[in-house]
Protein backbone atom coordinates (compact mmCIF):
# COMPACT_ATOMS: atom_id res chain seq x y z
CA UNK A 1 71.28 96.05 97.06
CA UNK A 2 71.22 98.27 100.11
CA UNK A 3 73.64 96.11 102.08
CA UNK A 4 76.90 94.85 100.55
CA UNK A 5 79.28 92.21 101.81
CA UNK A 6 81.27 93.98 104.55
CA UNK A 7 84.52 92.31 103.52
CA UNK A 8 84.40 93.83 100.05
CA UNK A 9 83.48 97.26 101.36
CA UNK A 10 86.67 96.99 103.42
CA UNK A 11 88.50 95.74 100.35
CA UNK A 12 87.43 98.76 98.34
CA UNK A 13 88.44 101.14 101.10
CA UNK A 14 91.81 99.76 102.14
CA UNK A 15 92.58 96.60 100.11
CA UNK A 16 92.54 94.60 103.31
CA UNK A 17 90.15 92.00 104.63
CA UNK A 18 88.60 91.22 107.98
CA UNK A 19 91.10 89.33 110.09
CA UNK A 20 90.16 86.11 111.89
CA UNK A 21 90.49 86.47 115.65
CA UNK A 22 92.38 83.53 117.13
CA UNK A 23 92.75 84.73 120.72
CA UNK A 24 91.43 87.59 122.83
CA UNK A 25 91.86 87.59 126.61
CA UNK A 26 92.91 90.16 129.22
CA UNK A 27 94.05 92.71 126.66
CA UNK A 28 96.03 90.30 124.48
CA UNK A 29 94.79 89.76 120.92
CA UNK A 30 96.02 87.47 118.14
CA UNK A 31 94.53 87.46 114.65
CA UNK A 32 95.35 85.95 111.27
CA UNK A 33 94.67 87.57 107.91
CA UNK A 34 95.66 87.28 104.28
CA UNK A 35 94.69 86.62 100.69
CA UNK A 36 95.37 83.54 98.59
CA UNK A 37 94.84 83.99 94.85
CA UNK A 38 95.74 82.27 91.58
CA UNK A 39 94.91 83.02 87.96
CA UNK A 40 95.21 81.69 84.43
CA UNK A 41 96.90 84.37 82.32
CA UNK A 42 97.17 84.73 78.56
CA UNK A 43 99.38 87.63 77.48
CA UNK A 44 100.04 88.78 73.93
CA UNK A 45 103.28 90.78 74.02
CA UNK A 46 105.46 90.86 70.91
CA UNK A 47 108.32 88.35 70.94
CA UNK A 48 110.83 91.07 70.02
CA UNK A 49 110.40 92.60 73.48
CA UNK A 50 111.60 91.43 76.88
CA UNK A 51 107.95 90.93 77.84
CA UNK A 52 107.12 88.50 75.02
CA UNK A 53 110.40 86.77 74.21
CA UNK A 54 110.85 83.18 75.39
CA UNK A 55 114.22 84.11 76.91
CA UNK A 56 112.61 87.04 78.76
CA UNK A 57 109.24 86.92 80.53
CA UNK A 58 107.70 84.69 77.81
CA UNK A 59 104.41 86.58 78.06
CA UNK A 60 103.16 85.88 74.52
CA UNK A 61 100.09 84.31 72.95
CA UNK A 62 101.78 80.92 72.52
CA UNK A 63 101.52 80.02 76.20
CA UNK A 64 99.06 80.23 79.09
CA UNK A 65 100.56 80.84 82.52
CA UNK A 66 99.38 80.06 86.04
CA UNK A 67 100.26 83.07 88.18
CA UNK A 68 100.12 84.08 91.81
CA UNK A 69 98.94 87.71 91.65
CA UNK A 70 99.90 88.62 95.20
CA UNK A 71 99.09 86.02 97.87
CA UNK A 72 100.11 86.78 101.44
CA UNK A 73 99.60 85.59 105.02
CA UNK A 74 100.02 87.50 108.26
CA UNK A 75 99.54 87.61 112.02
CA UNK A 76 98.78 90.66 114.19
CA UNK A 77 99.63 90.43 117.88
CA UNK A 78 98.87 93.16 120.41
CA UNK A 79 98.56 93.71 124.15
CA UNK A 80 96.69 96.70 125.59
CA UNK A 81 97.48 98.13 129.00
CA UNK A 82 95.58 101.31 129.82
CA UNK A 83 96.30 103.86 127.09
CA UNK A 84 99.30 101.91 125.78
CA UNK A 85 99.47 99.03 123.32
CA UNK A 86 102.36 96.76 122.28
CA UNK A 87 102.28 95.70 118.62
CA UNK A 88 103.85 92.91 116.56
CA UNK A 89 103.19 92.11 112.88
CA UNK A 90 104.48 88.99 111.11
CA UNK A 91 103.59 88.83 107.41
CA UNK A 92 104.84 86.74 104.49
CA UNK A 93 104.37 86.57 100.74
CA UNK A 94 103.01 83.14 99.82
CA UNK A 95 104.82 81.82 96.74
CA UNK A 96 103.23 79.02 94.70
CA UNK A 97 106.28 78.61 92.45
CA UNK A 98 104.28 80.00 89.52
CA UNK A 99 105.40 82.14 86.57
CA UNK A 100 104.97 85.37 88.51
CA UNK A 101 106.76 84.32 91.71
CA UNK A 102 110.26 85.75 92.00
CA UNK A 103 111.33 83.23 94.64
CA UNK A 104 111.01 79.49 95.26
CA UNK A 105 110.75 80.12 99.01
CA UNK A 106 107.20 79.20 100.04
CA UNK A 107 106.95 81.97 102.68
CA UNK A 108 109.04 85.08 102.07
CA UNK A 109 109.25 88.03 104.44
CA UNK A 110 106.80 90.81 103.57
CA UNK A 111 106.34 92.76 106.81
CA UNK A 112 107.95 92.16 110.20
CA UNK A 113 107.86 94.89 112.80
CA UNK A 114 107.40 95.69 116.47
CA UNK A 115 106.16 98.85 118.11
CA UNK A 116 104.08 100.66 120.69
CA UNK A 117 100.90 102.71 120.43
CA UNK A 118 99.17 105.31 122.59
CA UNK A 119 95.53 106.38 122.44
CA UNK A 120 96.45 110.05 122.08
CA UNK A 121 99.94 110.18 120.54
CA UNK A 122 99.65 107.49 117.87
CA UNK A 123 102.01 104.59 117.32
CA UNK A 124 105.66 104.02 116.45
CA UNK A 125 106.81 100.85 114.69
CA UNK A 126 110.23 99.67 113.52
CA UNK A 127 111.22 96.94 111.05
CA UNK A 128 110.18 95.95 107.53
CA UNK A 129 106.79 97.55 106.99
CA UNK A 130 104.36 99.19 104.62
CA UNK A 131 105.14 102.80 103.79
CA UNK A 132 102.71 105.65 104.52
CA UNK A 133 103.11 106.38 100.79
CA UNK A 134 100.79 103.41 100.10
CA UNK A 135 97.86 105.51 101.30
CA UNK A 136 97.75 106.90 97.74
CA UNK A 137 97.32 103.42 96.22
CA UNK A 138 94.12 104.27 94.34
CA UNK A 139 92.90 104.69 90.77
CA UNK A 140 91.93 101.11 89.93
CA UNK A 141 89.80 98.20 91.21
CA UNK A 142 91.59 95.40 89.33
CA UNK A 143 93.26 94.20 92.50
CA UNK A 144 94.71 91.03 91.01
CA UNK A 145 95.65 91.58 87.36
CA UNK A 146 95.64 95.33 86.77
CA UNK A 147 97.04 98.48 88.34
CA UNK A 148 100.24 98.66 86.32
CA UNK A 149 101.74 102.13 86.38
CA UNK A 150 102.39 103.12 89.99
CA UNK A 151 106.07 103.79 90.72
CA UNK A 152 106.10 102.05 94.09
CA UNK A 153 109.15 100.15 95.26
CA UNK A 154 110.03 97.96 98.24
CA UNK A 155 113.67 98.96 97.86
CA UNK A 156 113.16 102.72 97.54
CA UNK A 157 110.80 103.12 100.49
CA UNK A 158 107.45 103.72 98.84
CA UNK A 159 105.83 100.29 99.29
CA UNK A 160 107.20 97.87 101.91
CA UNK A 161 110.74 98.57 103.07
CA UNK A 162 113.17 97.04 105.54
CA UNK A 163 115.04 99.06 108.16
CA UNK A 164 112.34 101.71 108.61
CA UNK A 165 110.68 103.56 111.47
CA UNK A 166 107.10 104.81 111.07
CA UNK A 167 105.06 107.08 113.31
CA UNK A 168 101.36 107.28 112.51
CA UNK A 169 98.23 108.75 114.02
CA UNK A 170 94.74 108.11 112.74
CA UNK A 171 91.08 108.50 113.55
CA UNK A 172 87.83 107.77 111.72
CA UNK A 173 88.45 110.76 109.42
CA UNK A 174 92.21 111.30 109.10
CA UNK A 175 95.59 109.61 108.95
CA UNK A 176 99.07 111.13 109.27
CA UNK A 177 102.24 109.07 108.81
CA UNK A 178 105.97 109.82 108.91
CA UNK A 179 108.66 107.35 107.84
CA UNK A 180 112.44 107.26 108.24
CA UNK A 181 114.47 104.80 106.15
CA UNK A 182 117.83 103.72 107.59
CA UNK A 183 120.91 102.47 105.71
CA UNK A 184 120.40 99.28 103.72
CA UNK A 185 121.80 97.11 100.90
CA UNK A 186 119.62 95.86 98.05
CA UNK A 187 120.23 93.02 95.60
CA UNK A 188 118.11 94.85 93.00
CA UNK A 189 115.87 97.91 92.70
CA UNK A 190 112.56 97.67 90.88
CA UNK A 191 109.76 100.17 90.37
CA UNK A 192 106.76 100.39 88.12
CA UNK A 193 105.13 97.08 87.27
CA UNK A 194 108.44 95.61 86.10
CA UNK A 195 106.85 94.43 82.85
CA UNK A 196 105.89 96.96 80.19
CA UNK A 197 106.60 100.00 82.35
CA UNK A 198 109.28 100.94 84.86
CA UNK A 199 112.72 99.44 85.40
CA UNK A 200 114.48 96.58 87.16
CA UNK A 201 118.02 97.52 88.18
CA UNK A 202 120.20 94.45 88.81
CA UNK A 203 123.74 94.95 90.15
CA UNK A 204 126.75 93.73 88.18
CA UNK A 205 128.81 90.78 89.48
CA UNK A 206 131.76 92.92 90.50
CA UNK A 207 129.52 95.10 92.69
CA UNK A 208 126.79 92.68 93.83
CA UNK A 209 124.78 95.09 95.98
CA UNK A 210 123.31 98.56 95.70
CA UNK A 211 123.57 100.72 98.83
CA UNK A 212 121.07 103.33 100.02
CA UNK A 213 122.14 105.56 102.92
CA UNK A 214 118.80 106.91 104.10
CA UNK A 215 115.43 108.30 103.14
CA UNK A 216 112.10 109.53 104.43
CA UNK A 217 108.41 109.65 103.60
CA UNK A 218 105.24 111.41 104.70
CA UNK A 219 101.54 110.93 103.98
CA UNK A 220 98.24 112.45 105.04
CA UNK A 221 94.66 111.44 104.30
CA UNK A 222 91.22 112.75 105.13
CA UNK A 223 87.82 111.09 104.68
CA UNK A 224 84.90 113.51 104.48
CA UNK A 225 81.56 112.57 105.98
CA UNK A 226 79.92 112.70 102.54
CA UNK A 227 82.09 109.76 101.34
CA UNK A 228 85.18 111.29 99.73
CA UNK A 229 88.69 110.12 100.58
CA UNK A 230 91.70 112.29 99.67
CA UNK A 231 95.39 111.48 100.16
CA UNK A 232 98.78 113.05 99.48
CA UNK A 233 102.22 111.50 99.99
CA UNK A 234 105.93 112.14 99.40
CA UNK A 235 108.89 109.76 99.46
CA UNK A 236 112.64 110.22 99.01
CA UNK A 237 115.67 107.88 99.01
CA UNK A 238 119.15 109.44 99.34
CA UNK A 239 122.75 108.56 98.47
CA UNK A 240 122.11 105.56 96.24
CA UNK A 241 125.37 103.97 95.06
CA UNK A 242 126.12 100.97 92.87
CA UNK A 243 126.74 99.70 89.37
CA UNK A 244 123.82 98.01 87.63
CA UNK A 245 122.07 97.19 84.40
CA UNK A 246 118.45 97.97 83.57
CA UNK A 247 116.97 94.62 82.62
CA UNK A 248 114.08 96.24 80.73
CA UNK A 249 115.28 99.55 79.40
CA UNK A 250 118.75 99.61 77.85
CA UNK A 251 119.63 98.52 74.29
CA UNK A 252 122.80 96.67 75.38
CA UNK A 253 122.26 94.26 78.32
CA UNK A 254 126.01 94.13 78.91
CA UNK A 255 126.24 97.91 79.42
CA UNK A 256 125.97 99.28 82.93
CA UNK A 257 125.08 102.49 84.73
CA UNK A 258 126.83 103.75 87.84
CA UNK A 259 124.87 105.56 90.53
CA UNK A 260 126.92 108.00 92.61
CA UNK A 261 125.00 109.46 95.54
CA UNK A 262 121.84 109.35 93.42
CA UNK A 263 118.50 110.61 94.75
CA UNK A 264 114.97 109.38 94.08
CA UNK A 265 112.01 111.66 94.81
CA UNK A 266 108.33 110.93 94.27
CA UNK A 267 104.97 112.37 95.25
CA UNK A 268 101.37 111.37 94.65
CA UNK A 269 97.85 112.64 95.23
CA UNK A 270 94.74 110.46 95.15
CA UNK A 271 91.01 110.48 95.78
CA UNK A 272 88.14 108.03 96.10
CA UNK A 273 84.40 108.63 96.41
CA UNK A 274 81.65 106.14 97.26
CA UNK A 275 78.12 106.69 95.98
CA UNK A 276 74.95 105.02 97.30
CA UNK A 277 76.63 103.41 100.30
CA UNK A 278 79.36 101.85 98.18
CA UNK A 279 77.32 100.57 95.24
CA UNK A 280 79.41 102.79 92.95
CA UNK A 281 82.97 103.89 93.68
CA UNK A 282 85.33 106.04 91.61
CA UNK A 283 88.95 106.87 92.28
CA UNK A 284 91.93 108.61 90.71
CA UNK A 285 95.64 109.16 91.24
CA UNK A 286 98.48 111.30 89.90
CA UNK A 287 102.15 110.62 90.61
CA UNK A 288 105.50 112.14 89.64
CA UNK A 289 108.75 110.17 90.04
CA UNK A 290 112.15 111.88 89.70
CA UNK A 291 115.58 110.23 89.63
CA UNK A 292 118.94 112.01 89.46
CA UNK A 293 122.52 110.81 89.67
CA UNK A 294 124.70 112.82 92.05
CA UNK A 295 127.96 112.71 90.05
CA UNK A 296 129.49 115.85 88.53
CA UNK A 297 128.67 114.38 85.12
CA UNK A 298 125.47 112.51 85.97
CA UNK A 299 124.86 109.12 84.38
CA UNK A 300 121.08 109.57 84.45
CA UNK A 301 118.31 112.05 85.21
CA UNK A 302 114.69 111.24 84.58
CA UNK A 303 111.09 112.22 85.24
CA UNK A 304 108.05 109.96 85.15
CA UNK A 305 104.40 110.98 85.30
CA UNK A 306 101.52 108.56 85.66
CA UNK A 307 97.75 108.90 85.99
CA UNK A 308 95.09 106.34 86.88
CA UNK A 309 91.28 106.57 86.90
CA UNK A 310 88.99 103.74 87.98
CA UNK A 311 85.37 102.85 88.69
CA UNK A 312 83.68 99.93 90.47
CA UNK A 313 79.96 99.09 90.35
CA UNK A 314 78.01 96.45 92.28
CA UNK A 315 75.21 95.31 89.96
CA UNK A 316 74.03 92.85 92.63
CA UNK A 317 75.14 92.15 96.18
CA UNK A 318 77.65 89.57 94.91
CA UNK A 319 78.66 90.78 91.43
CA UNK A 320 80.80 93.79 90.64
CA UNK A 321 81.92 95.31 87.35
CA UNK A 322 85.05 97.44 87.20
CA UNK A 323 87.31 99.26 84.80
CA UNK A 324 90.17 101.71 84.68
CA UNK A 325 92.37 103.82 82.44
CA UNK A 326 96.05 104.32 83.14
CA UNK A 327 98.69 106.39 81.38
CA UNK A 328 102.38 106.85 82.08
CA UNK A 329 105.32 108.64 80.46
CA UNK A 330 108.98 108.13 81.38
CA UNK A 331 111.41 110.81 80.11
CA UNK A 332 115.21 110.97 79.94
CA UNK A 333 115.90 114.55 81.03
CA UNK A 334 119.59 114.43 80.03
CA UNK A 335 118.82 113.48 76.41
CA UNK A 336 115.44 115.30 76.33
CA UNK A 337 113.63 112.25 74.98
CA UNK A 338 110.92 109.75 75.91
CA UNK A 339 112.08 106.37 77.17
CA UNK A 340 108.78 104.60 77.75
CA UNK A 341 105.11 105.44 77.28
CA UNK A 342 102.14 103.24 78.20
CA UNK A 343 98.37 103.66 77.99
CA UNK A 344 96.12 100.91 79.34
CA UNK A 345 92.38 100.23 79.51
CA UNK A 346 91.07 97.31 81.56
CA UNK A 347 87.60 95.85 82.14
CA UNK A 348 86.62 93.10 84.53
CA UNK A 349 83.82 91.33 86.36
CA UNK A 350 83.95 89.52 89.69
CA UNK A 351 81.48 87.22 91.44
CA UNK A 352 81.62 86.64 95.20
CA UNK A 353 79.87 83.29 95.84
CA UNK A 354 80.86 83.65 99.50
CA UNK A 355 81.52 86.83 101.53
CA UNK A 356 85.25 86.02 101.76
CA UNK A 357 86.19 85.25 98.17
CA UNK A 358 85.60 86.09 94.53
CA UNK A 359 86.06 84.64 91.06
CA UNK A 360 87.06 87.14 88.41
CA UNK A 361 87.56 87.49 84.68
CA UNK A 362 89.49 90.45 83.36
CA UNK A 363 91.03 91.79 80.20
CA UNK A 364 93.22 94.75 79.46
CA UNK A 365 94.66 96.35 76.37
CA UNK A 366 97.86 98.33 76.55
CA UNK A 367 99.64 100.50 74.00
CA UNK A 368 103.39 100.44 74.69
CA UNK A 369 106.22 102.60 73.36
CA UNK A 370 109.80 101.51 74.15
CA UNK A 371 112.45 103.83 72.71
CA UNK A 372 116.09 102.80 72.37
CA UNK A 373 115.39 99.33 73.71
CA UNK A 374 116.65 95.86 72.77
CA UNK A 375 115.15 93.74 70.01
CA UNK A 376 115.34 90.31 71.65
CA UNK A 377 115.18 88.48 68.31
CA UNK A 378 118.03 90.34 66.58
CA UNK A 379 119.92 91.48 69.71
CA UNK A 380 120.05 94.97 68.22
CA UNK A 381 118.88 98.34 69.62
CA UNK A 382 115.53 99.47 68.30
CA UNK A 383 112.44 101.58 68.95
CA UNK A 384 109.27 99.61 69.56
CA UNK A 385 105.59 100.47 69.61
CA UNK A 386 102.76 97.96 69.81
CA UNK A 387 99.32 97.20 71.24
CA UNK A 388 98.41 93.97 72.98
CA UNK A 389 95.36 92.33 74.55
CA UNK A 390 95.68 90.22 77.71
CA UNK A 391 93.13 87.97 79.45
CA UNK A 392 92.88 86.61 83.01
CA UNK A 393 90.66 84.15 84.85
CA UNK A 394 91.26 83.73 88.54
CA UNK A 395 90.01 83.26 92.08
CA UNK A 396 90.90 84.87 95.40
CA UNK A 397 90.06 83.94 98.98
CA UNK A 398 90.44 86.63 101.67
CA UNK A 399 90.49 86.25 105.43
């Protein structure tokens, strides 16, 4: 138990695996990396909610789903010349056509960027790429089924976002990243897990896109020699305009909200500590998410807080046990009321029969409060509160 599989130590630290080197000659390197995963999922959400209704997500106890919990495939290409390096990343989501896939396209763009690096001054990249904000992605070790409450969004700049420029500088102990988000159109905006917490904003037919003028983000991390990682990040998206409906949150699906120069702001702090050379790891995260319409009489103004705490223990070299607690509260600041509240506990076990893959079984229980939402059986507005248990059995291969 003194030496763990290196790939899973890397997984715990950065949720990335060791890439496979395909070519390396005269300063030019090409590598492939990714994760392919699939799971059997049995949810138990109430059929009166969008999560459990057959016309919604259909996540109820009557059915078992096959889901793709986040498969992806990528290539890193670089050429080093003295202190300079040219960089290219090509990365795609791999869609199986399962219940959880949002697209039937087998390979869908995830990250595509080009840039240059310097040994002293860091690197600059431009394109669709992961935000520095993701450095705070901690607080759980349920990489495939859990980790529900983080308010990260591809469209808003806090996860993977198109039309961005990132400068970053890192060493063995620290990372600093700055991001600028240029003008872009989005066919929807989603944040939270898009299931029992968060929102999915879909534009109306008469205004089929949502526009975002600009935004920015910043993150900094430091890893202490005694094994503690700390991170802080901020992200902001400006001048958001469009007319949309909230597919999860409003009591009348035909009603719409209009964003007029709206602003989204969010910040997060996180930590992780490894004990006994990684045998035991604990992590935590706090985040605040703030949204405000820019009109004279704003259509919305809200604040969301979420907290996550997690632990991971290797009981043998190949078997790990993990668990986490997450809590989140979404408030309507205009009406001074709670929109959504979620508390979740998850427990899981994973076995790595080979150094580059694991089989896992996991369960979580969540307590959900949805105020002023839609009853999908009666088509009437209602307040809902319920607890549900959900089970998962899956496998993941990393490379």
